[in-house]
Amino acid sequence: MAHSPDLVIPRIFAAIDDHRFDDLPAFYTAEVQAETAVGPISGRDRLVATLKAIHEPVPVLQHLVTGVIVDQDGEEADVRANVVATFCDEEHHPTLEGASVWRGRLSRADGDWRVSAFSLDLVWTRGAMPADWGVSA
């Protein structure tokens, strides 16, 4: 992995958009703590399983990550980013859109940066998750 802390969040959302869920564990510490739209999540395995359950059924996804700000202090970094998400059906029609502010803490171990804690704070949303996507976390 070995990349700078400003690329961690864009890489996470690129993996989600590309349905590369097996890549996600490498971005998180084993004990990651998350505050998400579906509630608090503790631990990498549970977080990755939840991300997969939410995003895998969505035929077309796009997350735009902008304004990534990193405040690095040695082997730790605080990160803030704006994330705009669009979930589409098979015909590429948006069914759910929204924007959030991602705030988190990264830790570096063995040259790799991993998310140890984060919150995803909703700013706005439009539309709804289709019922047949069966999201429950």
C-alpha atoms as a PDB file:
ATOM      1  CA  MET A   1       0.000   0.000   0.000  1.00  0.00           C
ATOM      2  CA  ALA A   2       2.642   2.567   1.165  1.00  0.00           C
ATOM      3  CA  HIS A   3       1.140   5.898   0.167  1.00  0.00           C
ATOM      4  CA  SER A   4       0.637   9.293   1.768  1.00  0.00           C
ATOM      5  CA  PRO A   5      -2.192   9.948   4.257  1.00  0.00           C
ATOM      6  CA  ASP A   6      -3.997  12.292   1.841  1.00  0.00           C
ATOM      7  CA  LEU A   7      -4.643   9.383  -0.535  1.00  0.00           C
ATOM      8  CA  VAL A   8      -6.138   6.923   1.975  1.00  0.00           C
ATOM      9  CA  ILE A   9      -9.703   8.256   1.849  1.00  0.00           C
ATOM     10  CA  PRO A  10      -9.876   8.602  -1.974  1.00  0.00           C
ATOM     11  CA  ARG A  11      -8.475   5.056  -2.280  1.00  0.00           C
ATOM     12  CA  ILE A  12     -11.099   3.655   0.111  1.00  0.00           C
ATOM     13  CA  PHE A  13     -13.950   5.172  -1.886  1.00  0.00           C
ATOM     14  CA  ALA A  14     -12.377   4.127  -5.217  1.00  0.00           C
ATOM     15  CA  ALA A  15     -12.301   0.526  -3.937  1.00  0.00           C
ATOM     16  CA  ILE A  16     -15.964   0.796  -2.895  1.00  0.00           C
ATOM     17  CA  ASP A  17     -16.986   2.274  -6.273  1.00  0.00           C
ATOM     18  CA  ASP A  18     -15.110  -0.481  -8.113  1.00  0.00           C
ATOM     19  CA  HIS A  19     -16.667  -3.159  -5.852  1.00  0.00           C
ATOM     20  CA  ARG A  20     -13.165  -4.204  -4.712  1.00  0.00           C
ATOM     21  CA  PHE A  21     -14.326  -5.020  -1.186  1.00  0.00           C
ATOM     22  CA  ASP A  22     -11.436  -7.427  -0.590  1.00  0.00           C
ATOM     23  CA  ASP A  23      -9.086  -4.397  -0.759  1.00  0.00           C
ATOM     24  CA  LEU A  24     -10.802  -2.604   2.143  1.00  0.00           C
ATOM     25  CA  PRO A  25      -9.266  -4.401   5.162  1.00  0.00           C
ATOM     26  CA  ALA A  26      -5.824  -3.007   4.277  1.00  0.00           C
ATOM     27  CA  PHE A  27      -7.085   0.538   4.883  1.00  0.00           C
ATOM     28  CA  TYR A  28      -8.226   0.036   8.496  1.00  0.00           C
ATOM     29  CA  THR A  29      -6.690  -0.929  11.818  1.00  0.00           C
ATOM     30  CA  ALA A  30      -8.104  -4.081  13.427  1.00  0.00           C
ATOM     31  CA  GLU A  31      -9.737  -2.011  16.178  1.00  0.00           C
ATOM     32  CA  VAL A  32     -11.133   0.802  13.990  1.00  0.00           C
ATOM     33  CA  GLN A  33     -14.040   2.759  15.500  1.00  0.00           C
ATOM     34  CA  ALA A  34     -16.577   4.313  13.114  1.00  0.00           C
ATOM     35  CA  GLU A  35     -19.601   6.586  13.473  1.00  0.00           C
ATOM     36  CA  THR A  36     -21.690   6.119  10.328  1.00  0.00           C
ATOM     37  CA  ALA A  37     -25.172   6.737   8.944  1.00  0.00           C
ATOM     38  CA  VAL A  38     -26.103   3.196  10.051  1.00  0.00           C
ATOM     39  CA  GLY A  39     -24.758   3.748  13.560  1.00  0.00           C
ATOM     40  CA  PRO A  40     -21.508   3.038  15.395  1.00  0.00           C
ATOM     41  CA  ILE A  41     -19.314   0.204  14.148  1.00  0.00           C
ATOM     42  CA  SER A  42     -16.382  -1.339  16.039  1.00  0.00           C
ATOM     43  CA  GLY A  43     -13.675  -3.418  14.398  1.00  0.00           C
ATOM     44  CA  ARG A  44     -12.337  -3.857  10.891  1.00  0.00           C
ATOM     45  CA  ASP A  45     -14.209  -7.074  10.067  1.00  0.00           C
ATOM     46  CA  ARG A  46     -17.586  -5.640  11.027  1.00  0.00           C
ATOM     47  CA  LEU A  47     -16.882  -2.348   9.242  1.00  0.00           C
ATOM     48  CA  VAL A  48     -15.824  -4.045   5.998  1.00  0.00           C
ATOM     49  CA  ALA A  49     -18.840  -6.386   6.153  1.00  0.00           C
ATOM     50  CA  THR A  50     -21.147  -3.385   6.618  1.00  0.00           C
ATOM     51  CA  LEU A  51     -19.554  -1.438   3.760  1.00  0.00           C
ATOM     52  CA  LYS A  52     -19.950  -4.468   1.512  1.00  0.00           C
ATOM     53  CA  ALA A  53     -23.585  -5.030   2.559  1.00  0.00           C
ATOM     54  CA  ILE A  54     -24.452  -1.412   1.801  1.00  0.00           C
ATOM     55  CA  HIS A  55     -22.549  -0.968  -1.455  1.00  0.00           C
ATOM     56  CA  GLU A  56     -22.319  -4.359  -3.177  1.00  0.00           C
ATOM     57  CA  PRO A  57     -26.011  -4.449  -4.227  1.00  0.00           C
ATOM     58  CA  VAL A  58     -25.749  -0.996  -5.828  1.00  0.00           C
ATOM     59  CA  PRO A  59     -25.214  -1.436  -9.585  1.00  0.00           C
ATOM     60  CA  VAL A  60     -23.396   1.865 -10.125  1.00  0.00           C
ATOM     61  CA  LEU A  61     -21.639   3.974  -7.485  1.00  0.00           C
ATOM     62  CA  GLN A  62     -19.642   7.157  -7.536  1.00  0.00           C
ATOM     63  CA  HIS A  63     -18.010   8.834  -4.556  1.00  0.00           C
ATOM     64  CA  LEU A  64     -16.292  12.160  -5.185  1.00  0.00           C
ATOM     65  CA  VAL A  65     -13.710  12.955  -2.524  1.00  0.00           C
ATOM     66  CA  THR A  66     -12.591  16.583  -2.373  1.00  0.00           C
ATOM     67  CA  GLY A  67     -10.945  19.027  -0.037  1.00  0.00           C
ATOM     68  CA  VAL A  68      -8.781  16.444   1.718  1.00  0.00           C
ATOM     69  CA  ILE A  69      -6.997  18.158   4.616  1.00  0.00           C
ATOM     70  CA  VAL A  70      -4.310  16.306   6.566  1.00  0.00           C
ATOM     71  CA  ASP A  71      -2.794  17.446   9.853  1.00  0.00           C
ATOM     72  CA  GLN A  72       0.080  15.054  10.404  1.00  0.00           C
ATOM     73  CA  ASP A  73       1.905  14.655  13.708  1.00  0.00           C
ATOM     74  CA  GLY A  74       4.571  11.981  13.349  1.00  0.00           C
ATOM     75  CA  GLU A  75       2.947   8.570  13.047  1.00  0.00           C
ATOM     76  CA  GLU A  76      -0.609   9.945  13.462  1.00  0.00           C
ATOM     77  CA  ALA A  77      -2.728  12.171  11.246  1.00  0.00           C
ATOM     78  CA  ASP A  78      -6.117  13.835  11.462  1.00  0.00           C
ATOM     79  CA  VAL A  79      -7.939  13.917   8.123  1.00  0.00           C
ATOM     80  CA  ARG A  80     -11.006  15.797   6.896  1.00  0.00           C
ATOM     81  CA  ALA A  81     -12.603  15.343   3.474  1.00  0.00           C
ATOM     82  CA  ASN A  82     -15.843  16.130   1.676  1.00  0.00           C
ATOM     83  CA  VAL A  83     -17.530  13.079   0.136  1.00  0.00           C
ATOM     84  CA  VAL A  84     -20.369  13.327  -2.396  1.00  0.00           C
ATOM     85  CA  ALA A  85     -22.019   9.996  -3.176  1.00  0.00           C
ATOM     86  CA  THR A  86     -24.341   8.949  -5.989  1.00  0.00           C
ATOM     87  CA  PHE A  87     -26.014   5.528  -6.010  1.00  0.00           C
ATOM     88  CA  CYS A  88     -27.549   4.538  -9.367  1.00  0.00           C
ATOM     89  CA  ASP A  89     -29.746   1.760 -10.717  1.00  0.00           C
ATOM     90  CA  GLU A  90     -28.844  -0.481 -13.667  1.00  0.00           C
ATOM     91  CA  GLU A  91     -29.807   2.269 -16.140  1.00  0.00           C
ATOM     92  CA  HIS A  92     -27.440   4.713 -14.418  1.00  0.00           C
ATOM     93  CA  HIS A  93     -30.305   6.765 -12.962  1.00  0.00           C
ATOM     94  CA  PRO A  94     -29.495   8.214  -9.538  1.00  0.00           C
ATOM     95  CA  THR A  95     -31.671   6.780  -6.785  1.00  0.00           C
ATOM     96  CA  LEU A  96     -29.771   8.166  -3.799  1.00  0.00           C
ATOM     97  CA  GLU A  97     -27.428  11.127  -3.613  1.00  0.00           C
ATOM     98  CA  GLY A  98     -25.824  12.804  -0.657  1.00  0.00           C
ATOM     99  CA  ALA A  99     -22.846  14.598   0.774  1.00  0.00           C
ATOM    100  CA  SER A 100     -20.978  14.028   3.996  1.00  0.00           C
ATOM    101  CA  VAL A 101     -17.947  15.272   5.848  1.00  0.00           C
ATOM    102  CA  TRP A 102     -15.484  12.470   6.619  1.00  0.00           C
ATOM    103  CA  ARG A 103     -13.382  13.157   9.730  1.00  0.00           C
ATOM    104  CA  GLY A 104     -10.904  10.631  10.987  1.00  0.00           C
ATOM    105  CA  ARG A 105      -7.665   9.597  12.579  1.00  0.00           C
ATOM    106  CA  LEU A 106      -4.970   7.659  10.742  1.00  0.00           C
ATOM    107  CA  SER A 107      -2.044   5.744  12.215  1.00  0.00           C
ATOM    108  CA  ARG A 108       1.118   4.677  10.426  1.00  0.00           C
ATOM    109  CA  ALA A 109       2.575   1.229  10.962  1.00  0.00           C
ATOM    110  CA  ASP A 110       5.236  -0.397   8.808  1.00  0.00           C
ATOM    111  CA  GLY A 111       5.073   2.541   6.395  1.00  0.00           C
ATOM    112  CA  ASP A 112       1.339   2.197   5.704  1.00  0.00           C
ATOM    113  CA  TRP A 113      -1.375   4.590   6.832  1.00  0.00           C
ATOM    114  CA  ARG A 114      -4.558   3.047   8.206  1.00  0.00           C
ATOM    115  CA  VAL A 115      -7.782   4.520   9.535  1.00  0.00           C
ATOM    116  CA  SER A 116      -8.122   3.968  13.292  1.00  0.00           C
ATOM    117  CA  ALA A 117     -11.272   6.055  13.848  1.00  0.00           C
ATOM    118  CA  PHE A 118     -13.665   8.119  11.746  1.00  0.00           C
ATOM    119  CA  SER A 119     -17.067   9.713  11.523  1.00  0.00           C
ATOM    120  CA  LEU A 120     -19.147  10.299   8.426  1.00  0.00           C
ATOM    121  CA  ASP A 121     -21.403  13.267   9.100  1.00  0.00           C
ATOM    122  CA  LEU A 122     -24.287  13.741   6.659  1.00  0.00           C
ATOM    123  CA  VAL A 123     -24.679  17.238   5.198  1.00  0.00           C
ATOM    124  CA  TRP A 124     -27.520  16.627   2.708  1.00  0.00           C
ATOM    125  CA  THR A 125     -29.335  13.813   0.956  1.00  0.00           C
ATOM    126  CA  ARG A 126     -31.828  13.352  -1.859  1.00  0.00           C
ATOM    127  CA  GLY A 127     -33.672  10.176  -2.815  1.00  0.00           C
ATOM    128  CA  ALA A 128     -33.770   6.859  -1.015  1.00  0.00           C
ATOM    129  CA  MET A 129     -32.106   3.488  -0.981  1.00  0.00           C
ATOM    130  CA  PRO A 130     -34.289   1.072  -2.977  1.00  0.00           C
ATOM    131  CA  ALA A 131     -36.063  -1.416  -0.697  1.00  0.00           C
ATOM    132  CA  ASP A 132     -34.809  -4.396  -2.714  1.00  0.00           C
ATOM    133  CA  TRP A 133     -31.189  -3.477  -1.884  1.00  0.00           C
ATOM    134  CA  GLY A 134     -31.992  -4.805   1.586  1.00  0.00           C
ATOM    135  CA  VAL A 135     -29.475  -2.783   3.557  1.00  0.00           C
ATOM    136  CA  SER A 136     -29.355  -3.578   7.236  1.00  0.00           C
ATOM    137  CA  ALA A 137     -26.324  -3.101   9.399  1.00  0.00           C
END
